[in-house]
C-alpha atoms as a PDB file:
ATOM      1  CA  MET A   1      53.628 154.244  17.504  1.00  0.00           C
ATOM      2  CA  ALA A   2      56.249 155.774  19.678  1.00  0.00           C
ATOM      3  CA  GLY A   3      53.853 156.016  22.594  1.00  0.00           C
ATOM      4  CA  PHE A   4      53.028 152.347  22.271  1.00  0.00           C
ATOM      5  CA  ILE A   5      56.659 151.412  22.480  1.00  0.00           C
ATOM      6  CA  VAL A   6      57.133 153.453  25.657  1.00  0.00           C
ATOM      7  CA  SER A   7      54.081 152.017  27.268  1.00  0.00           C
ATOM      8  CA  THR A   8      55.188 148.456  26.631  1.00  0.00           C
ATOM      9  CA  ALA A   9      58.821 149.010  27.772  1.00  0.00           C
ATOM     10  CA  ALA A  10      57.940 150.626  31.118  1.00  0.00           C
ATOM     11  CA  PRO A  11      56.377 147.517  32.666  1.00  0.00           C
ATOM     12  CA  ARG A  12      59.358 145.459  31.536  1.00  0.00           C
ATOM     13  CA  TRP A  13      61.843 147.746  33.385  1.00  0.00           C
ATOM     14  CA  ALA A  14      59.599 147.785  36.416  1.00  0.00           C
ATOM     15  CA  GLY A  15      59.681 143.986  36.571  1.00  0.00           C
ATOM     16  CA  ILE A  16      63.443 143.889  36.308  1.00  0.00           C
ATOM     17  CA  LEU A  17      63.821 146.461  39.105  1.00  0.00           C
ATOM     18  CA  SER A  18      61.419 144.567  41.333  1.00  0.00           C
ATOM     19  CA  LEU A  19      63.367 141.327  40.803  1.00  0.00           C
ATOM     20  CA  CYS A  20      66.635 143.075  41.741  1.00  0.00           C
ATOM     21  CA  LEU A  21      65.069 144.460  44.930  1.00  0.00           C
ATOM     22  CA  LEU A  22      63.753 141.029  45.900  1.00  0.00           C
ATOM     23  CA  ALA A  23      67.171 139.466  45.295  1.00  0.00           C
ATOM     24  CA  GLY A  24      68.850 142.108  47.464  1.00  0.00           C
ATOM     25  CA  CYS A  25      66.351 141.639  50.268  1.00  0.00           C
ATOM     26  CA  GLY A  26      66.814 137.874  50.134  1.00  0.00           C
ATOM     27  CA  ALA A  27      70.590 138.139  50.269  1.00  0.00           C
ATOM     28  CA  ALA A  28      70.672 140.370  53.342  1.00  0.00           C
ATOM     29  CA  PRO A  29      69.296 137.803  55.831  1.00  0.00           C
ATOM     30  CA  ILE A  30      71.725 135.160  54.590  1.00  0.00           C
ATOM     31  CA  LEU A  31      74.682 137.416  55.301  1.00  0.00           C
ATOM     32  CA  ASN A  32      73.319 138.292  58.754  1.00  0.00           C
ATOM     33  CA  SER A  33      72.783 134.650  59.642  1.00  0.00           C
ATOM     34  CA  SER A  34      76.360 133.774  58.645  1.00  0.00           C
ATOM     35  CA  ASP A  35      77.673 136.607  60.816  1.00  0.00           C
ATOM     36  CA  GLN A  36      75.656 135.327  63.775  1.00  0.00           C
ATOM     37  CA  VAL A  37      76.996 131.808  63.292  1.00  0.00           C
ATOM     38  CA  ALA A  38      80.569 133.108  63.223  1.00  0.00           C
ATOM     39  CA  GLU A  39      79.975 135.071  66.428  1.00  0.00           C
ATOM     40  CA  SER A  40      78.373 132.082  68.141  1.00  0.00           C
ATOM     41  CA  TYR A  41      81.459 129.888  67.527  1.00  0.00           C
ATOM     42  CA  SER A  42      84.031 132.467  68.589  1.00  0.00           C
ATOM     43  CA  VAL A  43      86.111 131.442  71.660  1.00  0.00           C
ATOM     44  CA  GLU A  44      86.048 133.934  74.515  1.00  0.00           C
ATOM     45  CA  PRO A  45      89.297 134.500  76.428  1.00  0.00           C
ATOM     46  CA  SER A  46      87.596 134.177  79.809  1.00  0.00           C
ATOM     47  CA  GLY A  47      86.359 130.680  78.966  1.00  0.00           C
ATOM     48  CA  GLY A  48      82.673 131.610  79.354  1.00  0.00           C
ATOM     49  CA  ALA A  49      79.866 129.738  77.654  1.00  0.00           C
ATOM     50  CA  SER A  50      79.175 130.823  74.065  1.00  0.00           C
ATOM     51  CA  PRO A  51      75.651 131.374  72.666  1.00  0.00           C
ATOM     52  CA  VAL A  52      75.841 127.988  70.958  1.00  0.00           C
ATOM     53  CA  ASP A  53      76.395 126.289  74.349  1.00  0.00           C
ATOM     54  CA  GLN A  54      73.337 128.078  75.716  1.00  0.00           C
ATOM     55  CA  GLU A  55      71.249 126.931  72.750  1.00  0.00           C
ATOM     56  CA  ALA A  56      72.589 123.363  72.621  1.00  0.00           C
ATOM     57  CA  ALA A  57      69.062 121.958  72.530  1.00  0.00           C
ATOM     58  CA  ALA A  58      68.285 123.707  69.227  1.00  0.00           C
ATOM     59  CA  PRO A  59      68.937 121.672  66.044  1.00  0.00           C
ATOM     60  CA  THR A  60      72.060 122.666  64.136  1.00  0.00           C
ATOM     61  CA  ALA A  61      72.803 122.440  60.483  1.00  0.00           C
ATOM     62  CA  PRO A  62      75.484 120.027  59.185  1.00  0.00           C
ATOM     63  CA  GLY A  63      77.750 122.956  58.336  1.00  0.00           C
ATOM     64  CA  ASP A  64      77.426 124.341  61.862  1.00  0.00           C
ATOM     65  CA  ALA A  65      78.330 120.959  63.381  1.00  0.00           C
ATOM     66  CA  VAL A  66      81.484 120.743  61.245  1.00  0.00           C
ATOM     67  CA  ALA A  67      82.493 124.261  62.270  1.00  0.00           C
ATOM     68  CA  GLN A  68      81.927 123.413  65.940  1.00  0.00           C
ATOM     69  CA  LEU A  69      84.118 120.292  65.720  1.00  0.00           C
ATOM     70  CA  ALA A  70      86.874 122.262  63.994  1.00  0.00           C
ATOM     71  CA  ASN A  71      86.854 124.950  66.682  1.00  0.00           C
ATOM     72  CA  THR A  72      86.863 122.309  69.452  1.00  0.00           C
ATOM     73  CA  ALA A  73      89.882 120.577  67.913  1.00  0.00           C
ATOM     74  CA  THR A  74      91.852 123.809  67.875  1.00  0.00           C
ATOM     75  CA  VAL A  75      91.452 124.423  71.638  1.00  0.00           C
ATOM     76  CA  PRO A  76      94.854 123.594  73.299  1.00  0.00           C
ATOM     77  CA  GLN A  77      94.820 120.950  76.031  1.00  0.00           C
ATOM     78  CA  GLN A  78      96.787 121.568  79.231  1.00  0.00           C
ATOM     79  CA  ALA A  79      99.751 119.235  79.705  1.00  0.00           C
ATOM     80  CA  PRO A  80      99.522 116.917  82.734  1.00  0.00           C
ATOM     81  CA  ARG A  81     101.485 117.861  85.834  1.00  0.00           C
ATOM     82  CA  LEU A  82     103.601 114.821  86.715  1.00  0.00           C
ATOM     83  CA  VAL A  83     105.659 114.158  89.840  1.00  0.00           C
ATOM     84  CA  LYS A  84     108.468 111.819  88.783  1.00  0.00           C
ATOM     85  CA  ARG A  85     110.533 109.618  91.119  1.00  0.00           C
ATOM     86  CA  ALA A  86     113.350 107.311  90.030  1.00  0.00           C
ATOM     87  CA  SER A  87     115.263 104.560  91.824  1.00  0.00           C
ATOM     88  CA  LEU A  88     118.638 103.204  90.699  1.00  0.00           C
ATOM     89  CA  THR A  89     121.110 100.662  92.126  1.00  0.00           C
ATOM     90  CA  VAL A  90     124.592 100.535  90.578  1.00  0.00           C
ATOM     91  CA  LYS A  91     127.478  98.182  91.403  1.00  0.00           C
ATOM     92  CA  ILE A  92     130.790 100.032  91.257  1.00  0.00           C
ATOM     93  CA  ALA A  93     134.480  99.279  91.777  1.00  0.00           C
ATOM     94  CA  ASP A  94     135.657 102.418  93.632  1.00  0.00           C
ATOM     95  CA  LEU A  95     133.161 104.092  95.956  1.00  0.00           C
ATOM     96  CA  GLU A  96     135.016 107.355  96.573  1.00  0.00           C
ATOM     97  CA  THR A  97     135.539 107.967  92.853  1.00  0.00           C
ATOM     98  CA  ALA A  98     131.844 107.283  92.180  1.00  0.00           C
ATOM     99  CA  ILE A  99     130.700 109.766  94.848  1.00  0.00           C
ATOM    100  CA  ALA A 100     132.982 112.458  93.408  1.00  0.00           C
ATOM    101  CA  THR A 101     131.574 111.758  89.938  1.00  0.00           C
ATOM    102  CA  VAL A 102     128.015 112.081  91.231  1.00  0.00           C
ATOM    103  CA  GLU A 103     128.804 115.446  92.837  1.00  0.00           C
ATOM    104  CA  GLY A 104     130.281 116.767  89.595  1.00  0.00           C
ATOM    105  CA  LEU A 105     127.296 115.495  87.629  1.00  0.00           C
ATOM    106  CA  LEU A 106     124.852 117.279  89.936  1.00  0.00           C
ATOM    107  CA  THR A 107     126.751 120.532  89.495  1.00  0.00           C
ATOM    108  CA  GLN A 108     126.478 120.118  85.743  1.00  0.00           C
ATOM    109  CA  GLN A 109     122.771 119.205  85.830  1.00  0.00           C
ATOM    110  CA  GLN A 110     121.856 121.944  88.361  1.00  0.00           C
ATOM    111  CA  GLY A 111     120.822 119.399  90.972  1.00  0.00           C
ATOM    112  CA  ASP A 112     121.307 118.915  94.710  1.00  0.00           C
ATOM    113  CA  ILE A 113     122.055 116.127  97.197  1.00  0.00           C
ATOM    114  CA  LEU A 114     119.189 115.880  99.663  1.00  0.00           C
ATOM    115  CA  GLN A 115     120.581 113.023 101.774  1.00  0.00           C
ATOM    116  CA  LEU A 116     123.670 110.792 101.900  1.00  0.00           C
ATOM    117  CA  SER A 117     123.878 107.712 104.105  1.00  0.00           C
ATOM    118  CA  ASP A 118     127.103 105.687 104.422  1.00  0.00           C
ATOM    119  CA  ALA A 119     127.282 102.650 106.702  1.00  0.00           C
ATOM    120  CA  GLY A 120     131.082 102.754 106.802  1.00  0.00           C
ATOM    121  CA  THR A 121     133.697 100.124 105.989  1.00  0.00           C
ATOM    122  CA  ALA A 122     132.189  96.663 105.723  1.00  0.00           C
ATOM    123  CA  ALA A 123     133.781  93.273 106.333  1.00  0.00           C
ATOM    124  CA  ALA A 124     135.938  91.598 103.722  1.00  0.00           C
ATOM    125  CA  ASN A 125     133.109  89.383 102.462  1.00  0.00           C
ATOM    126  CA  GLN A 126     130.374  92.056 102.538  1.00  0.00           C
ATOM    127  CA  ALA A 127     129.471  94.812 100.070  1.00  0.00           C
ATOM    128  CA  ARG A 128     129.636  98.447 101.158  1.00  0.00           C
ATOM    129  CA  GLN A 129     126.566 100.499 100.240  1.00  0.00           C
ATOM    130  CA  VAL A 130     125.939 104.243 100.125  1.00  0.00           C
ATOM    131  CA  GLN A 131     122.407 105.658  99.843  1.00  0.00           C
ATOM    132  CA  ILE A 132     122.132 109.037  98.070  1.00  0.00           C
ATOM    133  CA  GLU A 133     118.907 110.951  97.446  1.00  0.00           C
ATOM    134  CA  LEU A 134     119.215 113.436  94.579  1.00  0.00           C
ATOM    135  CA  ARG A 135     117.011 116.206  93.205  1.00  0.00           C
ATOM    136  CA  VAL A 136     117.345 117.452  89.619  1.00  0.00           C
ATOM    137  CA  PRO A 137     115.156 119.576  87.338  1.00  0.00           C
ATOM    138  CA  GLU A 138     112.512 117.524  85.580  1.00  0.00           C
ATOM    139  CA  ALA A 139     113.926 118.493  82.177  1.00  0.00           C
ATOM    140  CA  ASN A 140     117.339 116.996  83.134  1.00  0.00           C
ATOM    141  CA  LEU A 141     116.014 113.734  84.606  1.00  0.00           C
ATOM    142  CA  SER A 142     116.684 111.553  81.540  1.00  0.00           C
ATOM    143  CA  SER A 143     120.216 112.820  80.977  1.00  0.00           C
ATOM    144  CA  THR A 144     121.042 112.465  84.690  1.00  0.00           C
ATOM    145  CA  LEU A 145     119.840 108.845  84.799  1.00  0.00           C
ATOM    146  CA  ALA A 146     121.844 108.030  81.675  1.00  0.00           C
ATOM    147  CA  ALA A 147     125.008 109.476  83.243  1.00  0.00           C
ATOM    148  CA  LEU A 148     124.450 107.618  86.532  1.00  0.00           C
ATOM    149  CA  LYS A 149     124.091 104.304  84.693  1.00  0.00           C
ATOM    150  CA  ASP A 150     127.579 104.788  83.277  1.00  0.00           C
ATOM    151  CA  LEU A 151     129.111 104.606  86.775  1.00  0.00           C
ATOM    152  CA  GLY A 152     129.058 100.805  86.790  1.00  0.00           C
ATOM    153  CA  THR A 153     126.727  97.836  86.404  1.00  0.00           C
ATOM    154  CA  VAL A 154     123.041  98.571  86.893  1.00  0.00           C
ATOM    155  CA  GLN A 155     121.441  96.138  89.347  1.00  0.00           C
ATOM    156  CA  GLN A 156     117.970  97.685  89.671  1.00  0.00           C
ATOM    157  CA  GLN A 157     116.104 100.654  88.194  1.00  0.00           C
ATOM    158  CA  SER A 158     112.564 102.026  88.314  1.00  0.00           C
ATOM    159  CA  LEU A 159     110.686 105.205  87.373  1.00  0.00           C
ATOM    160  CA  THR A 160     107.260 106.294  88.623  1.00  0.00           C
ATOM    161  CA  ALA A 161     105.138 109.297  87.647  1.00  0.00           C
ATOM    162  CA  GLU A 162     102.125 110.631  89.552  1.00  0.00           C
ATOM    163  CA  ASP A 163      99.638 112.992  87.885  1.00  0.00           C
ATOM    164  CA  VAL A 164      98.769 115.844  90.272  1.00  0.00           C
ATOM    165  CA  SER A 165      96.886 118.017  87.777  1.00  0.00           C
ATOM    166  CA  ASN A 166      93.543 117.532  89.515  1.00  0.00           C
ATOM    167  CA  GLN A 167      95.051 118.294  92.915  1.00  0.00           C
ATOM    168  CA  LEU A 168      96.537 121.537  91.630  1.00  0.00           C
ATOM    169  CA  VAL A 169      93.239 122.591  90.039  1.00  0.00           C
ATOM    170  CA  ASP A 170      91.334 121.855  93.252  1.00  0.00           C
ATOM    171  CA  LEU A 171      93.823 123.717  95.434  1.00  0.00           C
ATOM    172  CA  GLN A 172      93.887 126.722  93.141  1.00  0.00           C
ATOM    173  CA  ALA A 173      90.075 126.847  93.093  1.00  0.00           C
ATOM    174  CA  ARG A 174      90.082 126.663  96.882  1.00  0.00           C
ATOM    175  CA  VAL A 175      92.506 129.574  97.055  1.00  0.00           C
ATOM    176  CA  ARG A 176      90.279 131.672  94.771  1.00  0.00           C
ATOM    177  CA  ASN A 177      87.215 130.930  96.902  1.00  0.00           C
ATOM    178  CA  LEU A 178      89.092 131.765 100.079  1.00  0.00           C
ATOM    179  CA  ARG A 179      90.291 135.074  98.643  1.00  0.00           C
ATOM    180  CA  GLN A 180      86.710 135.936  97.691  1.00  0.00           C
ATOM    181  CA  SER A 181      85.677 135.163 101.261  1.00  0.00           C
ATOM    182  CA  GLU A 182      88.509 137.374 102.498  1.00  0.00           C
ATOM    183  CA  THR A 183      87.302 140.254 100.323  1.00  0.00           C
ATOM    184  CA  ALA A 184      83.727 139.819 101.556  1.00  0.00           C
ATOM    185  CA  LEU A 185      84.867 139.774 105.180  1.00  0.00           C
ATOM    186  CA  LEU A 186      86.886 142.950 104.671  1.00  0.00           C
ATOM    187  CA  ALA A 187      83.803 144.654 103.221  1.00  0.00           C
ATOM    188  CA  ILE A 188      81.696 143.476 106.177  1.00  0.00           C
ATOM    189  CA  MET A 189      84.318 144.763 108.617  1.00  0.00           C
ATOM    190  CA  GLU A 190      84.183 148.209 107.013  1.00  0.00           C
ATOM    191  CA  ARG A 191      80.401 148.291 107.393  1.00  0.00           C
ATOM    192  CA  SER A 192      80.317 146.905 110.943  1.00  0.00           C
ATOM    193  CA  GLY A 193      79.789 149.384 113.708  1.00  0.00           C
ATOM    194  CA  SER A 194      79.883 147.549 117.040  1.00  0.00           C
ATOM    195  CA  ILE A 195      83.081 146.253 118.562  1.00  0.00           C
ATOM    196  CA  SER A 196      81.681 142.716 119.011  1.00  0.00           C
ATOM    197  CA  GLU A 197      80.842 142.442 115.314  1.00  0.00           C
ATOM    198  CA  VAL A 198      84.275 143.744 114.332  1.00  0.00           C
ATOM    199  CA  LEU A 199      85.994 141.216 116.617  1.00  0.00           C
ATOM    200  CA  GLU A 200      83.913 138.329 115.285  1.00  0.00           C
ATOM    201  CA  VAL A 201      84.634 139.284 111.685  1.00  0.00           C
ATOM    202  CA  SER A 202      88.320 139.712 112.546  1.00  0.00           C
ATOM    203  CA  ARG A 203      88.494 136.192 113.979  1.00  0.00           C
ATOM    204  CA  GLU A 204      86.802 134.768 110.904  1.00  0.00           C
ATOM    205  CA  LEU A 205      89.179 136.764 108.696  1.00  0.00           C
ATOM    206  CA  SER A 206      92.203 135.340 110.536  1.00  0.00           C
ATOM    207  CA  THR A 207      90.883 131.804 110.000  1.00  0.00           C
ATOM    208  CA  VAL A 208      90.378 132.441 106.284  1.00  0.00           C
ATOM    209  CA  ARG A 209      93.843 133.936 105.866  1.00  0.00           C
ATOM    210  CA  GLU A 210      95.411 130.990 107.676  1.00  0.00           C
ATOM    211  CA  ALA A 211      93.599 128.623 105.300  1.00  0.00           C
ATOM    212  CA  ILE A 212      94.843 130.689 102.338  1.00  0.00           C
ATOM    213  CA  GLU A 213      98.462 130.452 103.514  1.00  0.00           C
ATOM    214  CA  ARG A 214      98.175 126.711 104.139  1.00  0.00           C
ATOM    215  CA  THR A 215      96.600 126.051 100.737  1.00  0.00           C
ATOM    216  CA  ASP A 216      99.148 128.291  99.001  1.00  0.00           C
ATOM    217  CA  ALA A 217     101.919 126.258 100.635  1.00  0.00           C
ATOM    218  CA  GLN A 218     100.389 123.030  99.330  1.00  0.00           C
ATOM    219  CA  VAL A 219     100.163 124.479  95.823  1.00  0.00           C
ATOM    220  CA  GLN A 220     103.786 125.623  95.967  1.00  0.00           C
ATOM    221  CA  ASN A 221     104.902 122.222  97.250  1.00  0.00           C
ATOM    222  CA  LEU A 222     103.164 120.410  94.384  1.00  0.00           C
ATOM    223  CA  ARG A 223     104.668 122.815  91.862  1.00  0.00           C
ATOM    224  CA  ASN A 224     108.146 122.182  93.282  1.00  0.00           C
ATOM    225  CA  GLN A 225     107.605 118.421  93.069  1.00  0.00           C
ATOM    226  CA  VAL A 226     106.558 118.792  89.438  1.00  0.00           C
ATOM    227  CA  ALA A 227     109.496 121.066  88.587  1.00  0.00           C
ATOM    228  CA  PHE A 228     112.123 118.881  90.334  1.00  0.00           C
ATOM    229  CA  SER A 229     112.376 115.078  90.177  1.00  0.00           C
ATOM    230  CA  THR A 230     113.960 112.916  92.894  1.00  0.00           C
ATOM    231  CA  ILE A 231     116.375 110.021  92.367  1.00  0.00           C
ATOM    232  CA  SER A 232     117.147 107.384  95.025  1.00  0.00           C
ATOM    233  CA  LEU A 233     120.655 106.187  94.138  1.00  0.00           C
ATOM    234  CA  THR A 234     122.334 103.181  95.767  1.00  0.00           C
ATOM    235  CA  LEU A 235     126.049 102.663  95.169  1.00  0.00           C
ATOM    236  CA  ALA A 236     127.274  99.161  96.105  1.00  0.00           C
ATOM    237  CA  THR A 237     130.820  97.817  95.952  1.00  0.00           C
ATOM    238  CA  ALA A 238     131.617  94.306  94.749  1.00  0.00           C
ATOM    239  CA  THR A 239     132.075  91.599  97.417  1.00  0.00           C
ATOM    240  CA  SER A 240     135.493  89.953  97.760  1.00  0.00           C
ATOM    241  CA  PRO A 241     135.564  86.106  97.650  1.00  0.00           C
ATOM    242  CA  VAL A 242     136.062  84.280 100.957  1.00  0.00           C
ATOM    243  CA  PRO A 243     139.108  81.938 100.944  1.00  0.00           C
ATOM    244  CA  LEU A 244     138.269  78.255 101.464  1.00  0.00           C
ATOM    245  CA  THR A 245     141.290  77.537 103.726  1.00  0.00           C
ATOM    246  CA  ASP A 246     143.256  79.876 105.984  1.00  0.00           C
ATOM    247  CA  PRO A 247     146.970  80.335 105.358  1.00  0.00           C
ATOM    248  CA  VAL A 248     149.462  78.639 107.732  1.00  0.00           C
ATOM    249  CA  SER A 249     150.500  81.933 109.293  1.00  0.00           C
ATOM    250  CA  GLU A 250     146.880  82.845 110.100  1.00  0.00           C
ATOM    251  CA  THR A 251     146.305  79.350 111.561  1.00  0.00           C
ATOM    252  CA  LEU A 252     149.355  79.594 113.829  1.00  0.00           C
ATOM    253  CA  ALA A 253     148.381  83.113 114.866  1.00  0.00           C
ATOM    254  CA  HIS A 254     144.874  81.994 115.794  1.00  0.00           C
ATOM    255  CA  THR A 255     146.294  79.004 117.746  1.00  0.00           C
ATOM    256  CA  TRP A 256     148.726  81.198 119.694  1.00  0.00           C
ATOM    257  CA  GLN A 257     145.973  83.666 120.432  1.00  0.00           C
ATOM    258  CA  ALA A 258     143.706  80.892 121.713  1.00  0.00           C
ATOM    259  CA  ALA A 259     146.523  79.395 123.879  1.00  0.00           C
ATOM    260  CA  THR A 260     147.434  82.729 125.463  1.00  0.00           C
ATOM    261  CA  HIS A 261     143.799  83.441 126.096  1.00  0.00           C
ATOM    262  CA  SER A 262     143.374  80.050 127.768  1.00  0.00           C
ATOM    263  CA  MET A 263     146.497  80.580 129.936  1.00  0.00           C
ATOM    264  CA  GLY A 264     145.197  83.946 131.021  1.00  0.00           C
ATOM    265  CA  THR A 265     141.854  82.439 131.904  1.00  0.00           C
ATOM    266  CA  VAL A 266     143.491  79.671 134.011  1.00  0.00           C
ATOM    267  CA  SER A 267     145.799  82.138 135.778  1.00  0.00           C
ATOM    268  CA  LEU A 268     142.894  84.393 136.572  1.00  0.00           C
ATOM    269  CA  GLY A 269     140.977  81.418 137.935  1.00  0.00           C
ATOM    270  CA  LEU A 270     143.871  80.422 140.222  1.00  0.00           C
ATOM    271  CA  LEU A 271     144.187  83.963 141.528  1.00  0.00           C
ATOM    272  CA  ARG A 272     140.501  84.095 142.256  1.00  0.00           C
ATOM    273  CA  LEU A 273     140.764  80.721 144.083  1.00  0.00           C
ATOM    274  CA  GLY A 274     143.660  82.027 146.184  1.00  0.00           C
ATOM    275  CA  LEU A 275     141.640  85.088 147.143  1.00  0.00           C
ATOM    276  CA  TRP A 276     138.734  82.895 148.194  1.00  0.00           C
ATOM    277  CA  LEU A 277     141.053  80.703 150.307  1.00  0.00           C
ATOM    278  CA  LEU A 278     142.623  83.764 151.899  1.00  0.00           C
ATOM    279  CA  ALA A 279     139.242  85.231 152.723  1.00  0.00           C
ATOM    280  CA  TYR A 280     138.131  81.992 154.436  1.00  0.00           C
ATOM    281  CA  SER A 281     141.508  81.361 156.196  1.00  0.00           C
ATOM    282  CA  PRO A 282     140.108  81.768 159.743  1.00  0.00           C
ATOM    283  CA  TYR A 283     137.700  78.942 159.115  1.00  0.00           C
ATOM    284  CA  TRP A 284     140.414  76.800 157.583  1.00  0.00           C
ATOM    285  CA  GLY A 285     142.702  77.527 160.608  1.00  0.00           C
ATOM    286  CA  GLY A 286     139.984  76.510 163.076  1.00  0.00           C
ATOM    287  CA  ILE A 287     139.309  73.314 161.175  1.00  0.00           C
ATOM    288  CA  LEU A 288     143.068  72.557 161.158  1.00  0.00           C
ATOM    289  CA  LEU A 289     143.390  73.078 164.918  1.00  0.00           C
ATOM    290  CA  VAL A 290     140.457  70.802 165.576  1.00  0.00           C
ATOM    291  CA  ALA A 291     142.005  68.145 163.357  1.00  0.00           C
ATOM    292  CA  LEU A 292     145.396  68.392 165.129  1.00  0.00           C
ATOM    293  CA  GLY A 293     143.764  68.182 168.602  1.00  0.00           C
ATOM    294  CA  PHE A 294     141.779  65.143 167.573  1.00  0.00           C
ATOM    295  CA  ARG A 295     144.933  63.487 166.260  1.00  0.00           C
ATOM    296  CA  ARG A 296     146.863  64.085 169.480  1.00  0.00           C
ATOM    297  CA  TRP A 297     143.976  62.743 171.471  1.00  0.00           C
ATOM    298  CA  ARG A 298     144.023  59.585 169.419  1.00  0.00           C
ATOM    299  CA  GLN A 299     147.826  59.174 169.878  1.00  0.00           C
ATOM    300  CA  ARG A 300     147.697  59.602 173.686  1.00  0.00           C
ATOM    301  CA  PRO A 301     149.211  56.503 175.520  1.00  0.00           C
ATOM    302  CA  THR A 302     146.627  54.403 177.267  1.00  0.00           C
ATOM    303  CA  PRO A 303     147.351  53.199 180.930  1.00  0.00           C
ATOM    304  CA  THR A 304     148.091  49.391 181.222  1.00  0.00           C
ATOM    305  CA  ALA A 305     147.205  47.091 184.243  1.00  0.00           C
ATOM    306  CA  SER A 306     150.115  46.386 186.676  1.00  0.00           C
ATOM    307  CA  THR A 307     151.306  42.751 186.626  1.00  0.00           C
ATOM    308  CA  PRO A 308     151.923  40.985 190.011  1.00  0.00           C
ATOM    309  CA  PRO A 309     155.534  40.176 190.801  1.00  0.00           C
ATOM    310  CA  ALA A 310     156.610  36.681 190.007  1.00  0.00           C
ATOM    311  CA  GLN A 311     156.839  34.210 193.000  1.00  0.00           C
ATOM    312  CA  GLN A 312     160.179  32.691 193.801  1.00  0.00           C
END
């Protein structure tokens, strides 16, 4: 009886053990596949293509697609590089006070004056204008514009922004390619044996280095334009009204000035006429002598016929 019980229990334990082994073997591939999926969606620091990008043509499960969208959303986007330029025209009462205020504001905002153009004192009925070109850090542009608007009455204002992100990326890629060419040329120069080959490689290396310096300068210029914004400021004074009628004193002064000017003109004309007459005096003297001789000839007594004596 006891042997029967053992014989019937052994197959039962064997079945349970076999089921446990099958469950363990089935669970192992699932864990491995999940690890592979996690590795495939990991972001590499160098920005290289992940295994999922290389196997984009293969069908993906719905869970994998959700994980891919979540990882894509977490990738930070680079902020655009903007070159900002502002233009502002302000009507003010006192020009000198406004210029001093602008200089103090630039010192506070860590800015500079690039150019100042002053046309000088204008006429009584014309506005005096001063053109000032300013440069301030991009972070202080808004506060600087707000302070400049408080100088007086704003007549005109504008703000433009140019995105130079693509230009910077292109220039930086060009610099990297040029530096790779420089490295390759240096390696070729070390391997070259003849003088002609060394000179040719040296000339090519000089050209590449010149291109690197020029491109680096362009990159630095764009970065400076992004870091600092420019403001074209125009300060204009108010025009004074023109009087409709001149005062009596101004009218008399203008009349006296016109009369003295006319007298001077007439006197100068008479002096010039006297000089002309003096210069031509020999001709006038000859003409006068001829006239006097002709007159005497006309007044000469004419001879009369003698009358016979009267007969007695």
